[in-house]
Amino acid sequence: MRKMKFWIYLEIDLIDLKPKFEKIFNVNNLYRDYENVWEWIESSDRNSKIYLNISRPHNWQNGDFKKPIIIIVESNNQKKLSEEKIAYAIKTELKCEVFTGEIFADNNNDLVIKEKRKY
């Protein structure tokens, strides 16, 4: 399995981005869910060729637009994913800068960027 992380900054709610992510990744199995800190769009079938988890902190009314939308892409088959192709597909469809590298939430749910490349 190969995993890549991307992130973007958009002042758009995740539910409104769902059809765009379905187009970018050519999937139709995404659903939205949330809990007290995070909201996300995720693939419903973790065994499909590609698994997506797209998440961002929220404030119960909408996404926390100052925080990035984190896009985790996993390939569940032998197909090699291209970081550059995925980044440019996101950039073209959503008309925003795309970052890739290592990003994670610490114990306080604050986002930490450990490594960053920009497209």
PDB file of N, CA and C in Angstrom:
ATOM      1  N   MET A   1       0.857  -1.180   0.000  1.00  0.00           N
ATOM      2  CA  MET A   1       0.000   0.000   0.000  1.00  0.00           C
ATOM      3  C   MET A   1       0.899   1.238   0.000  1.00  0.00           C
ATOM      4  N   ARG A   2       0.507   2.207  -0.759  1.00  0.00           N
ATOM      5  CA  ARG A   2       1.239   3.474  -0.821  1.00  0.00           C
ATOM      6  C   ARG A   2       0.319   4.579  -0.321  1.00  0.00           C
ATOM      7  N   LYS A   3       0.825   5.460   0.532  1.00  0.00           N
ATOM      8  CA  LYS A   3       0.031   6.554   1.096  1.00  0.00           C
ATOM      9  C   LYS A   3       0.713   7.885   0.801  1.00  0.00           C
ATOM     10  N   MET A   4      -0.099   8.871   0.390  1.00  0.00           N
ATOM     11  CA  MET A   4       0.385  10.230   0.152  1.00  0.00           C
ATOM     12  C   MET A   4      -0.525  11.204   0.896  1.00  0.00           C
ATOM     13  N   LYS A   5       0.075  12.314   1.328  1.00  0.00           N
ATOM     14  CA  LYS A   5      -0.698  13.368   1.986  1.00  0.00           C
ATOM     15  C   LYS A   5      -0.535  14.669   1.210  1.00  0.00           C
ATOM     16  N   PHE A   6      -1.664  15.324   1.006  1.00  0.00           N
ATOM     17  CA  PHE A   6      -1.716  16.636   0.372  1.00  0.00           C
ATOM     18  C   PHE A   6      -2.520  17.530   1.297  1.00  0.00           C
ATOM     19  N   TRP A   7      -2.360  18.848   1.160  1.00  0.00           N
ATOM     20  CA  TRP A   7      -3.253  19.761   1.863  1.00  0.00           C
ATOM     21  C   TRP A   7      -3.425  21.039   1.071  1.00  0.00           C
ATOM     22  N   ILE A   8      -4.604  21.625   1.279  1.00  0.00           N
ATOM     23  CA  ILE A   8      -4.997  22.837   0.570  1.00  0.00           C
ATOM     24  C   ILE A   8      -5.728  23.750   1.547  1.00  0.00           C
ATOM     25  N   TYR A   9      -5.844  25.007   1.180  1.00  0.00           N
ATOM     26  CA  TYR A   9      -6.604  25.982   1.964  1.00  0.00           C
ATOM     27  C   TYR A   9      -7.728  26.513   1.085  1.00  0.00           C
ATOM     28  N   LEU A  10      -8.969  26.286   1.485  1.00  0.00           N
ATOM     29  CA  LEU A  10     -10.134  26.788   0.759  1.00  0.00           C
ATOM     30  C   LEU A  10     -11.205  27.198   1.754  1.00  0.00           C
ATOM     31  N   GLU A  11     -11.902  28.268   1.454  1.00  0.00           N
ATOM     32  CA  GLU A  11     -13.021  28.703   2.291  1.00  0.00           C
ATOM     33  C   GLU A  11     -14.319  28.142   1.725  1.00  0.00           C
ATOM     34  N   ILE A  12     -14.356  26.822   1.621  1.00  0.00           N
ATOM     35  CA  ILE A  12     -15.509  26.098   1.099  1.00  0.00           C
ATOM     36  C   ILE A  12     -15.746  24.918   2.029  1.00  0.00           C
ATOM     37  N   ASP A  13     -17.000  24.654   2.367  1.00  0.00           N
ATOM     38  CA  ASP A  13     -17.313  23.512   3.218  1.00  0.00           C
ATOM     39  C   ASP A  13     -17.010  22.201   2.499  1.00  0.00           C
ATOM     40  N   LEU A  14     -16.610  21.202   3.266  1.00  0.00           N
ATOM     41  CA  LEU A  14     -16.254  19.908   2.677  1.00  0.00           C
ATOM     42  C   LEU A  14     -17.402  19.287   1.892  1.00  0.00           C
ATOM     43  N   ILE A  15     -18.611  19.394   2.403  1.00  0.00           N
ATOM     44  CA  ILE A  15     -19.742  18.776   1.690  1.00  0.00           C
ATOM     45  C   ILE A  15     -19.881  19.365   0.288  1.00  0.00           C
ATOM     46  N   ASP A  16     -19.557  20.637   0.126  1.00  0.00           N
ATOM     47  CA  ASP A  16     -19.627  21.274  -1.195  1.00  0.00           C
ATOM     48  C   ASP A  16     -18.470  20.855  -2.097  1.00  0.00           C
ATOM     49  N   LEU A  17     -17.404  20.337  -1.507  1.00  0.00           N
ATOM     50  CA  LEU A  17     -16.244  19.880  -2.280  1.00  0.00           C
ATOM     51  C   LEU A  17     -16.353  18.406  -2.680  1.00  0.00           C
ATOM     52  N   LYS A  18     -17.273  17.688  -2.079  1.00  0.00           N
ATOM     53  CA  LYS A  18     -17.410  16.248  -2.343  1.00  0.00           C
ATOM     54  C   LYS A  18     -17.504  15.928  -3.833  1.00  0.00           C
ATOM     55  N   PRO A  19     -18.376  16.576  -4.629  1.00  0.00           N
ATOM     56  CA  PRO A  19     -18.433  16.239  -6.053  1.00  0.00           C
ATOM     57  C   PRO A  19     -17.128  16.546  -6.791  1.00  0.00           C
ATOM     58  N   LYS A  20     -16.423  17.566  -6.357  1.00  0.00           N
ATOM     59  CA  LYS A  20     -15.149  17.907  -7.005  1.00  0.00           C
ATOM     60  C   LYS A  20     -14.097  16.832  -6.726  1.00  0.00           C
ATOM     61  N   PHE A  21     -14.056  16.336  -5.490  1.00  0.00           N
ATOM     62  CA  PHE A  21     -13.113  15.267  -5.175  1.00  0.00           C
ATOM     63  C   PHE A  21     -13.494  13.972  -5.891  1.00  0.00           C
ATOM     64  N   GLU A  22     -14.781  13.719  -6.058  1.00  0.00           N
ATOM     65  CA  GLU A  22     -15.210  12.539  -6.818  1.00  0.00           C
ATOM     66  C   GLU A  22     -14.717  12.641  -8.267  1.00  0.00           C
ATOM     67  N   LYS A  23     -14.761  13.846  -8.815  1.00  0.00           N
ATOM     68  CA  LYS A  23     -14.279  14.053 -10.188  1.00  0.00           C
ATOM     69  C   LYS A  23     -12.752  13.909 -10.258  1.00  0.00           C
ATOM     70  N   ILE A  24     -12.036  14.530  -9.337  1.00  0.00           N
ATOM     71  CA  ILE A  24     -10.573  14.484  -9.337  1.00  0.00           C
ATOM     72  C   ILE A  24     -10.070  13.046  -9.278  1.00  0.00           C
ATOM     73  N   PHE A  25     -10.665  12.242  -8.401  1.00  0.00           N
ATOM     74  CA  PHE A  25     -10.171  10.887  -8.171  1.00  0.00           C
ATOM     75  C   PHE A  25     -10.982   9.813  -8.895  1.00  0.00           C
ATOM     76  N   ASN A  26     -11.969  10.241  -9.675  1.00  0.00           N
ATOM     77  CA  ASN A  26     -12.796   9.316 -10.454  1.00  0.00           C
ATOM     78  C   ASN A  26     -13.397   8.215  -9.571  1.00  0.00           C
ATOM     79  N   VAL A  27     -14.059   8.647  -8.493  1.00  0.00           N
ATOM     80  CA  VAL A  27     -14.721   7.728  -7.565  1.00  0.00           C
ATOM     81  C   VAL A  27     -16.157   8.193  -7.347  1.00  0.00           C
ATOM     82  N   ASN A  28     -16.992   7.295  -6.851  1.00  0.00           N
ATOM     83  CA  ASN A  28     -18.376   7.664  -6.547  1.00  0.00           C
ATOM     84  C   ASN A  28     -18.814   7.102  -5.196  1.00  0.00           C
ATOM     85  N   ASN A  29     -17.836   6.828  -4.326  1.00  0.00           N
ATOM     86  CA  ASN A  29     -18.170   6.196  -3.057  1.00  0.00           C
ATOM     87  C   ASN A  29     -17.786   7.051  -1.847  1.00  0.00           C
ATOM     88  N   LEU A  30     -17.788   8.358  -1.990  1.00  0.00           N
ATOM     89  CA  LEU A  30     -17.422   9.245  -0.890  1.00  0.00           C
ATOM     90  C   LEU A  30     -18.642   9.605  -0.038  1.00  0.00           C
ATOM     91  N   TYR A  31     -18.422   9.715   1.261  1.00  0.00           N
ATOM     92  CA  TYR A  31     -19.474  10.173   2.169  1.00  0.00           C
ATOM     93  C   TYR A  31     -18.854  11.141   3.176  1.00  0.00           C
ATOM     94  N   ARG A  32     -19.690  11.982   3.763  1.00  0.00           N
ATOM     95  CA  ARG A  32     -19.220  12.961   4.748  1.00  0.00           C
ATOM     96  C   ARG A  32     -19.662  12.535   6.144  1.00  0.00           C
ATOM     97  N   ASP A  33     -18.788  12.770   7.113  1.00  0.00           N
ATOM     98  CA  ASP A  33     -19.116  12.506   8.509  1.00  0.00           C
ATOM     99  C   ASP A  33     -18.353  13.525   9.360  1.00  0.00           C
ATOM    100  N   TYR A  34     -18.617  13.545  10.655  1.00  0.00           N
ATOM    101  CA  TYR A  34     -17.958  14.497  11.543  1.00  0.00           C
ATOM    102  C   TYR A  34     -18.043  14.016  12.976  1.00  0.00           C
ATOM    103  N   GLU A  35     -17.220  14.614  13.827  1.00  0.00           N
ATOM    104  CA  GLU A  35     -17.282  14.425  15.266  1.00  0.00           C
ATOM    105  C   GLU A  35     -16.982  15.776  15.901  1.00  0.00           C
ATOM    106  N   ASN A  36     -16.613  15.815  17.165  1.00  0.00           N
ATOM    107  CA  ASN A  36     -16.538  17.095  17.864  1.00  0.00           C
ATOM    108  C   ASN A  36     -15.476  18.060  17.342  1.00  0.00           C
ATOM    109  N   VAL A  37     -14.367  17.587  16.785  1.00  0.00           N
ATOM    110  CA  VAL A  37     -13.304  18.477  16.315  1.00  0.00           C
ATOM    111  C   VAL A  37     -13.151  18.432  14.798  1.00  0.00           C
ATOM    112  N   TRP A  38     -13.283  17.254  14.206  1.00  0.00           N
ATOM    113  CA  TRP A  38     -12.984  17.043  12.795  1.00  0.00           C
ATOM    114  C   TRP A  38     -14.231  16.747  11.989  1.00  0.00           C
ATOM    115  N   GLU A  39     -14.197  17.132  10.724  1.00  0.00           N
ATOM    116  CA  GLU A  39     -15.168  16.677   9.734  1.00  0.00           C
ATOM    117  C   GLU A  39     -14.362  16.044   8.610  1.00  0.00           C
ATOM    118  N   TRP A  40     -14.973  15.121   7.872  1.00  0.00           N
ATOM    119  CA  TRP A  40     -14.223  14.450   6.822  1.00  0.00           C
ATOM    120  C   TRP A  40     -15.125  13.905   5.737  1.00  0.00           C
ATOM    121  N   ILE A  41     -14.497  13.696   4.594  1.00  0.00           N
ATOM    122  CA  ILE A  41     -15.080  12.966   3.469  1.00  0.00           C
ATOM    123  C   ILE A  41     -14.185  11.742   3.316  1.00  0.00           C
ATOM    124  N   GLU A  42     -14.812  10.579   3.179  1.00  0.00           N
ATOM    125  CA  GLU A  42     -14.030   9.347   3.156  1.00  0.00           C
ATOM    126  C   GLU A  42     -14.624   8.369   2.156  1.00  0.00           C
ATOM    127  N   SER A  43     -13.776   7.498   1.631  1.00  0.00           N
ATOM    128  CA  SER A  43     -14.258   6.424   0.767  1.00  0.00           C
ATOM    129  C   SER A  43     -15.055   5.442   1.610  1.00  0.00           C
ATOM    130  N   SER A  44     -16.146   4.944   1.056  1.00  0.00           N
ATOM    131  CA  SER A  44     -16.961   3.981   1.799  1.00  0.00           C
ATOM    132  C   SER A  44     -16.396   2.575   1.723  1.00  0.00           C
ATOM    133  N   ASP A  45     -15.526   2.305   0.768  1.00  0.00           N
ATOM    134  CA  ASP A  45     -14.962   0.973   0.583  1.00  0.00           C
ATOM    135  C   ASP A  45     -13.450   1.040   0.698  1.00  0.00           C
ATOM    136  N   ARG A  46     -12.921   0.645   1.830  1.00  0.00           N
ATOM    137  CA  ARG A  46     -11.474   0.724   2.055  1.00  0.00           C
ATOM    138  C   ARG A  46     -10.717  -0.284   1.203  1.00  0.00           C
ATOM    139  N   ASN A  47     -11.397  -1.246   0.603  1.00  0.00           N
ATOM    140  CA  ASN A  47     -10.732  -2.253  -0.225  1.00  0.00           C
ATOM    141  C   ASN A  47     -10.716  -1.894  -1.707  1.00  0.00           C
ATOM    142  N   SER A  48     -11.267  -0.760  -2.085  1.00  0.00           N
ATOM    143  CA  SER A  48     -11.252  -0.378  -3.493  1.00  0.00           C
ATOM    144  C   SER A  48      -9.830   0.000  -3.914  1.00  0.00           C
ATOM    145  N   LYS A  49      -9.640   0.284  -5.180  1.00  0.00           N
ATOM    146  CA  LYS A  49      -8.299   0.570  -5.705  1.00  0.00           C
ATOM    147  C   LYS A  49      -7.661   1.785  -5.054  1.00  0.00           C
ATOM    148  N   ILE A  50      -8.487   2.752  -4.666  1.00  0.00           N
ATOM    149  CA  ILE A  50      -7.964   3.964  -4.042  1.00  0.00           C
ATOM    150  C   ILE A  50      -8.836   4.275  -2.821  1.00  0.00           C
ATOM    151  N   TYR A  51      -8.189   4.626  -1.737  1.00  0.00           N
ATOM    152  CA  TYR A  51      -8.888   5.012  -0.512  1.00  0.00           C
ATOM    153  C   TYR A  51      -8.582   6.480  -0.246  1.00  0.00           C
ATOM    154  N   LEU A  52      -9.606   7.260   0.083  1.00  0.00           N
ATOM    155  CA  LEU A  52      -9.451   8.690   0.353  1.00  0.00           C
ATOM    156  C   LEU A  52      -9.967   9.035   1.739  1.00  0.00           C
ATOM    157  N   ASN A  53      -9.240   9.888   2.423  1.00  0.00           N
ATOM    158  CA  ASN A  53      -9.699  10.489   3.665  1.00  0.00           C
ATOM    159  C   ASN A  53      -9.343  11.961   3.567  1.00  0.00           C
ATOM    160  N   ILE A  54     -10.360  12.810   3.498  1.00  0.00           N
ATOM    161  CA  ILE A  54     -10.194  14.245   3.306  1.00  0.00           C
ATOM    162  C   ILE A  54     -10.795  14.903   4.541  1.00  0.00           C
ATOM    163  N   SER A  55      -9.983  15.601   5.335  1.00  0.00           N
ATOM    164  CA  SER A  55     -10.474  16.073   6.627  1.00  0.00           C
ATOM    165  C   SER A  55      -9.985  17.479   6.949  1.00  0.00           C
ATOM    166  N   ARG A  56     -10.732  18.107   7.874  1.00  0.00           N
ATOM    167  CA  ARG A  56     -10.381  19.442   8.351  1.00  0.00           C
ATOM    168  C   ARG A  56     -11.088  19.663   9.687  1.00  0.00           C
ATOM    169  N   PRO A  57     -10.466  20.407  10.597  1.00  0.00           N
ATOM    170  CA  PRO A  57     -11.176  20.792  11.818  1.00  0.00           C
ATOM    171  C   PRO A  57     -12.396  21.648  11.466  1.00  0.00           C
ATOM    172  N   HIS A  58     -13.424  21.595  12.308  1.00  0.00           N
ATOM    173  CA  HIS A  58     -14.622  22.402  12.074  1.00  0.00           C
ATOM    174  C   HIS A  58     -15.094  23.010  13.385  1.00  0.00           C
ATOM    175  N   ASN A  59     -16.030  23.933  13.284  1.00  0.00           N
ATOM    176  CA  ASN A  59     -16.530  24.624  14.474  1.00  0.00           C
ATOM    177  C   ASN A  59     -18.033  24.416  14.663  1.00  0.00           C
ATOM    178  N   TRP A  60     -18.567  23.326  14.167  1.00  0.00           N
ATOM    179  CA  TRP A  60     -19.978  22.931  14.229  1.00  0.00           C
ATOM    180  C   TRP A  60     -20.855  23.682  13.249  1.00  0.00           C
ATOM    181  N   GLN A  61     -20.488  24.871  12.837  1.00  0.00           N
ATOM    182  CA  GLN A  61     -21.249  25.603  11.829  1.00  0.00           C
ATOM    183  C   GLN A  61     -20.696  25.338  10.437  1.00  0.00           C
ATOM    184  N   ASN A  62     -19.368  25.388  10.341  1.00  0.00           N
ATOM    185  CA  ASN A  62     -18.697  25.132   9.062  1.00  0.00           C
ATOM    186  C   ASN A  62     -17.247  24.752   9.340  1.00  0.00           C
ATOM    187  N   GLY A  63     -16.488  24.526   8.278  1.00  0.00           N
ATOM    188  CA  GLY A  63     -15.085  24.184   8.432  1.00  0.00           C
ATOM    189  C   GLY A  63     -14.303  25.345   9.024  1.00  0.00           C
ATOM    190  N   ASP A  64     -13.232  25.031   9.711  1.00  0.00           N
ATOM    191  CA  ASP A  64     -12.322  26.058  10.203  1.00  0.00           C
ATOM    192  C   ASP A  64     -11.457  26.463   9.010  1.00  0.00           C
ATOM    193  N   PHE A  65     -11.886  27.487   8.309  1.00  0.00           N
ATOM    194  CA  PHE A  65     -11.285  27.863   7.035  1.00  0.00           C
ATOM    195  C   PHE A  65      -9.830  28.317   7.145  1.00  0.00           C
ATOM    196  N   LYS A  66      -9.360  28.614   8.347  1.00  0.00           N
ATOM    197  CA  LYS A  66      -7.957  28.987   8.524  1.00  0.00           C
ATOM    198  C   LYS A  66      -7.053  27.753   8.574  1.00  0.00           C
ATOM    199  N   LYS A  67      -7.650  26.582   8.768  1.00  0.00           N
ATOM    200  CA  LYS A  67      -6.895  25.330   8.839  1.00  0.00           C
ATOM    201  C   LYS A  67      -6.938  24.634   7.481  1.00  0.00           C
ATOM    202  N   PRO A  68      -5.913  23.856   7.178  1.00  0.00           N
ATOM    203  CA  PRO A  68      -5.886  23.185   5.874  1.00  0.00           C
ATOM    204  C   PRO A  68      -6.846  22.005   5.797  1.00  0.00           C
ATOM    205  N   ILE A  69      -7.240  21.712   4.587  1.00  0.00           N
ATOM    206  CA  ILE A  69      -7.956  20.474   4.286  1.00  0.00           C
ATOM    207  C   ILE A  69      -6.864  19.455   3.974  1.00  0.00           C
ATOM    208  N   ILE A  70      -6.828  18.377   4.735  1.00  0.00           N
ATOM    209  CA  ILE A  70      -5.821  17.332   4.561  1.00  0.00           C
ATOM    210  C   ILE A  70      -6.418  16.230   3.692  1.00  0.00           C
ATOM    211  N   ILE A  71      -5.701  15.856   2.666  1.00  0.00           N
ATOM    212  CA  ILE A  71      -6.156  14.842   1.715  1.00  0.00           C
ATOM    213  C   ILE A  71      -5.183  13.671   1.788  1.00  0.00           C
ATOM    214  N   ILE A  72      -5.645  12.539   2.303  1.00  0.00           N
ATOM    215  CA  ILE A  72      -4.825  11.334   2.369  1.00  0.00           C
ATOM    216  C   ILE A  72      -5.299  10.403   1.266  1.00  0.00           C
ATOM    217  N   VAL A  73      -4.362   9.976   0.435  1.00  0.00           N
ATOM    218  CA  VAL A  73      -4.649   9.103  -0.702  1.00  0.00           C
ATOM    219  C   VAL A  73      -3.849   7.823  -0.513  1.00  0.00           C
ATOM    220  N   GLU A  74      -4.545   6.690  -0.530  1.00  0.00           N
ATOM    221  CA  GLU A  74      -3.874   5.393  -0.420  1.00  0.00           C
ATOM    222  C   GLU A  74      -4.213   4.551  -1.637  1.00  0.00           C
ATOM    223  N   SER A  75      -3.203   3.916  -2.190  1.00  0.00           N
ATOM    224  CA  SER A  75      -3.399   2.969  -3.284  1.00  0.00           C
ATOM    225  C   SER A  75      -3.416   1.574  -2.686  1.00  0.00           C
ATOM    226  N   ASN A  76      -4.483   0.835  -2.949  1.00  0.00           N
ATOM    227  CA  ASN A  76      -4.627  -0.511  -2.395  1.00  0.00           C
ATOM    228  C   ASN A  76      -4.312  -1.595  -3.414  1.00  0.00           C
ATOM    229  N   ASN A  77      -3.679  -1.217  -4.505  1.00  0.00           N
ATOM    230  CA  ASN A  77      -3.275  -2.213  -5.503  1.00  0.00           C
ATOM    231  C   ASN A  77      -1.847  -1.897  -5.940  1.00  0.00           C
ATOM    232  N   GLN A  78      -1.411  -2.504  -6.967  1.00  0.00           N
ATOM    233  CA  GLN A  78      -0.035  -2.325  -7.423  1.00  0.00           C
ATOM    234  C   GLN A  78       0.178  -1.038  -8.219  1.00  0.00           C
ATOM    235  N   LYS A  79      -0.899  -0.333  -8.501  1.00  0.00           N
ATOM    236  CA  LYS A  79      -0.780   0.899  -9.276  1.00  0.00           C
ATOM    237  C   LYS A  79       0.022   1.942  -8.492  1.00  0.00           C
ATOM    238  N   LYS A  80       1.045   2.482  -9.146  1.00  0.00           N
ATOM    239  CA  LYS A  80       1.854   3.513  -8.505  1.00  0.00           C
ATOM    240  C   LYS A  80       1.160   4.861  -8.645  1.00  0.00           C
ATOM    241  N   LEU A  81       1.035   5.545  -7.538  1.00  0.00           N
ATOM    242  CA  LEU A  81       0.444   6.876  -7.554  1.00  0.00           C
ATOM    243  C   LEU A  81       1.523   7.904  -7.887  1.00  0.00           C
ATOM    244  N   SER A  82       1.142   8.917  -8.638  1.00  0.00           N
ATOM    245  CA  SER A  82       2.063   9.998  -8.977  1.00  0.00           C
ATOM    246  C   SER A  82       1.699  11.233  -8.161  1.00  0.00           C
ATOM    247  N   GLU A  83       2.603  11.634  -7.276  1.00  0.00           N
ATOM    248  CA  GLU A  83       2.370  12.833  -6.466  1.00  0.00           C
ATOM    249  C   GLU A  83       2.099  14.040  -7.353  1.00  0.00           C
ATOM    250  N   GLU A  84       2.902  14.199  -8.387  1.00  0.00           N
ATOM    251  CA  GLU A  84       2.766  15.354  -9.268  1.00  0.00           C
ATOM    252  C   GLU A  84       1.419  15.357  -9.990  1.00  0.00           C
ATOM    253  N   LYS A  85       0.993  14.215 -10.528  1.00  0.00           N
ATOM    254  CA  LYS A  85      -0.287  14.144 -11.241  1.00  0.00           C
ATOM    255  C   LYS A  85      -1.459  14.443 -10.314  1.00  0.00           C
ATOM    256  N   ILE A  86      -1.420  13.881  -9.102  1.00  0.00           N
ATOM    257  CA  ILE A  86      -2.508  14.122  -8.149  1.00  0.00           C
ATOM    258  C   ILE A  86      -2.526  15.595  -7.748  1.00  0.00           C
ATOM    259  N   ALA A  87      -1.359  16.160  -7.441  1.00  0.00           N
ATOM    260  CA  ALA A  87      -1.288  17.571  -7.032  1.00  0.00           C
ATOM    261  C   ALA A  87      -1.834  18.483  -8.122  1.00  0.00           C
ATOM    262  N   TYR A  88      -1.454  18.219  -9.371  1.00  0.00           N
ATOM    263  CA  TYR A  88      -1.932  19.078 -10.453  1.00  0.00           C
ATOM    264  C   TYR A  88      -3.418  18.865 -10.750  1.00  0.00           C
ATOM    265  N   ALA A  89      -3.926  17.663 -10.544  1.00  0.00           N
ATOM    266  CA  ALA A  89      -5.368  17.431 -10.715  1.00  0.00           C
ATOM    267  C   ALA A  89      -6.158  18.221  -9.674  1.00  0.00           C
ATOM    268  N   ILE A  90      -5.679  18.211  -8.436  1.00  0.00           N
ATOM    269  CA  ILE A  90      -6.335  18.988  -7.367  1.00  0.00           C
ATOM    270  C   ILE A  90      -6.236  20.476  -7.683  1.00  0.00           C
ATOM    271  N   LYS A  91      -5.047  20.921  -8.044  1.00  0.00           N
ATOM    272  CA  LYS A  91      -4.807  22.340  -8.339  1.00  0.00           C
ATOM    273  C   LYS A  91      -5.684  22.825  -9.491  1.00  0.00           C
ATOM    274  N   THR A  92      -5.800  22.022 -10.531  1.00  0.00           N
ATOM    275  CA  THR A  92      -6.580  22.408 -11.709  1.00  0.00           C
ATOM    276  C   THR A  92      -8.068  22.479 -11.395  1.00  0.00           C
ATOM    277  N   GLU A  93      -8.585  21.466 -10.712  1.00  0.00           N
ATOM    278  CA  GLU A  93     -10.022  21.412 -10.425  1.00  0.00           C
ATOM    279  C   GLU A  93     -10.443  22.437  -9.376  1.00  0.00           C
ATOM    280  N   LEU A  94      -9.638  22.625  -8.336  1.00  0.00           N
ATOM    281  CA  LEU A  94     -10.033  23.497  -7.224  1.00  0.00           C
ATOM    282  C   LEU A  94      -9.417  24.887  -7.295  1.00  0.00           C
ATOM    283  N   LYS A  95      -8.524  25.095  -8.248  1.00  0.00           N
ATOM    284  CA  LYS A  95      -7.899  26.407  -8.473  1.00  0.00           C
ATOM    285  C   LYS A  95      -7.274  26.963  -7.188  1.00  0.00           C
ATOM    286  N   CYS A  96      -6.379  26.161  -6.618  1.00  0.00           N
ATOM    287  CA  CYS A  96      -5.708  26.557  -5.381  1.00  0.00           C
ATOM    288  C   CYS A  96      -4.298  25.980  -5.365  1.00  0.00           C
ATOM    289  N   GLU A  97      -3.461  26.504  -4.473  1.00  0.00           N
ATOM    290  CA  GLU A  97      -2.144  25.931  -4.272  1.00  0.00           C
ATOM    291  C   GLU A  97      -2.309  24.597  -3.559  1.00  0.00           C
ATOM    292  N   VAL A  98      -1.439  23.651  -3.903  1.00  0.00           N
ATOM    293  CA  VAL A  98      -1.479  22.322  -3.294  1.00  0.00           C
ATOM    294  C   VAL A  98      -0.124  22.067  -2.648  1.00  0.00           C
ATOM    295  N   PHE A  99      -0.187  21.573  -1.417  1.00  0.00           N
ATOM    296  CA  PHE A  99       1.026  21.225  -0.684  1.00  0.00           C
ATOM    297  C   PHE A  99       1.036  19.718  -0.458  1.00  0.00           C
ATOM    298  N   THR A 100       2.214  19.157  -0.399  1.00  0.00           N
ATOM    299  CA  THR A 100       2.370  17.739  -0.115  1.00  0.00           C
ATOM    300  C   THR A 100       3.575  17.563   0.789  1.00  0.00           C
ATOM    301  N   GLY A 101       3.597  16.466   1.491  1.00  0.00           N
ATOM    302  CA  GLY A 101       4.674  16.188   2.429  1.00  0.00           C
ATOM    303  C   GLY A 101       4.124  15.493   3.644  1.00  0.00           C
ATOM    304  N   GLU A 102       4.605  15.875   4.817  1.00  0.00           N
ATOM    305  CA  GLU A 102       4.157  15.240   6.052  1.00  0.00           C
ATOM    306  C   GLU A 102       3.461  16.264   6.936  1.00  0.00           C
ATOM    307  N   ILE A 103       2.198  16.000   7.223  1.00  0.00           N
ATOM    308  CA  ILE A 103       1.390  16.839   8.098  1.00  0.00           C
ATOM    309  C   ILE A 103       0.618  15.908   9.019  1.00  0.00           C
ATOM    310  N   PHE A 104       0.466  16.307  10.283  1.00  0.00           N
ATOM    311  CA  PHE A 104      -0.286  15.479  11.220  1.00  0.00           C
ATOM    312  C   PHE A 104      -0.836  16.343  12.341  1.00  0.00           C
ATOM    313  N   ALA A 105      -1.804  15.789  13.059  1.00  0.00           N
ATOM    314  CA  ALA A 105      -2.387  16.475  14.214  1.00  0.00           C
ATOM    315  C   ALA A 105      -1.687  15.975  15.468  1.00  0.00           C
ATOM    316  N   ASP A 106      -1.279  16.909  16.339  1.00  0.00           N
ATOM    317  CA  ASP A 106      -0.644  16.508  17.589  1.00  0.00           C
ATOM    318  C   ASP A 106      -1.712  16.141  18.622  1.00  0.00           C
ATOM    319  N   ASN A 107      -1.305  15.921  19.851  1.00  0.00           N
ATOM    320  CA  ASN A 107      -2.238  15.498  20.901  1.00  0.00           C
ATOM    321  C   ASN A 107      -3.324  16.526  21.212  1.00  0.00           C
ATOM    322  N   ASN A 108      -3.093  17.792  20.846  1.00  0.00           N
ATOM    323  CA  ASN A 108      -4.083  18.856  21.059  1.00  0.00           C
ATOM    324  C   ASN A 108      -4.888  19.151  19.801  1.00  0.00           C
ATOM    325  N   ASN A 109      -4.769  18.301  18.787  1.00  0.00           N
ATOM    326  CA  ASN A 109      -5.414  18.487  17.485  1.00  0.00           C
ATOM    327  C   ASN A 109      -4.910  19.721  16.748  1.00  0.00           C
ATOM    328  N   ASP A 110      -3.716  20.201  17.120  1.00  0.00           N
ATOM    329  CA  ASP A 110      -3.061  21.263  16.357  1.00  0.00           C
ATOM    330  C   ASP A 110      -2.291  20.608  15.218  1.00  0.00           C
ATOM    331  N   LEU A 111      -2.340  21.231  14.052  1.00  0.00           N
ATOM    332  CA  LEU A 111      -1.682  20.648  12.892  1.00  0.00           C
ATOM    333  C   LEU A 111      -0.199  21.007  12.871  1.00  0.00           C
ATOM    334  N   VAL A 112       0.631  20.007  12.599  1.00  0.00           N
ATOM    335  CA  VAL A 112       2.077  20.163  12.545  1.00  0.00           C
ATOM    336  C   VAL A 112       2.528  19.767  11.143  1.00  0.00           C
ATOM    337  N   ILE A 113       3.260  20.677  10.496  1.00  0.00           N
ATOM    338  CA  ILE A 113       3.815  20.395   9.173  1.00  0.00           C
ATOM    339  C   ILE A 113       5.285  20.036   9.374  1.00  0.00           C
ATOM    340  N   LYS A 114       5.633  18.806   9.017  1.00  0.00           N
ATOM    341  CA  LYS A 114       6.997  18.317   9.213  1.00  0.00           C
ATOM    342  C   LYS A 114       7.824  18.441   7.934  1.00  0.00           C
ATOM    343  N   GLU A 115       7.154  18.315   6.792  1.00  0.00           N
ATOM    344  CA  GLU A 115       7.822  18.389   5.480  1.00  0.00           C
ATOM    345  C   GLU A 115       6.825  18.983   4.507  1.00  0.00           C
ATOM    346  N   LYS A 116       7.278  19.875   3.601  1.00  0.00           N
ATOM    347  CA  LYS A 116       6.319  20.539   2.697  1.00  0.00           C
ATOM    348  C   LYS A 116       6.935  20.788   1.332  1.00  0.00           C
ATOM    349  N   ARG A 117       6.170  20.420   0.302  1.00  0.00           N
ATOM    350  CA  ARG A 117       6.460  20.780  -1.091  1.00  0.00           C
ATOM    351  C   ARG A 117       5.225  21.482  -1.647  1.00  0.00           C
ATOM    352  N   LYS A 118       5.420  22.441  -2.544  1.00  0.00           N
ATOM    353  CA  LYS A 118       4.306  23.225  -3.071  1.00  0.00           C
ATOM    354  C   LYS A 118       4.163  23.013  -4.567  1.00  0.00           C
ATOM    355  N   TYR A 119       2.905  22.876  -5.004  1.00  0.00           N
ATOM    356  CA  TYR A 119       2.588  22.774  -6.430  1.00  0.00           C
ATOM    357  C   TYR A 119       1.721  23.944  -6.836  1.00  0.00           C
TER     358      TYR A 119
END
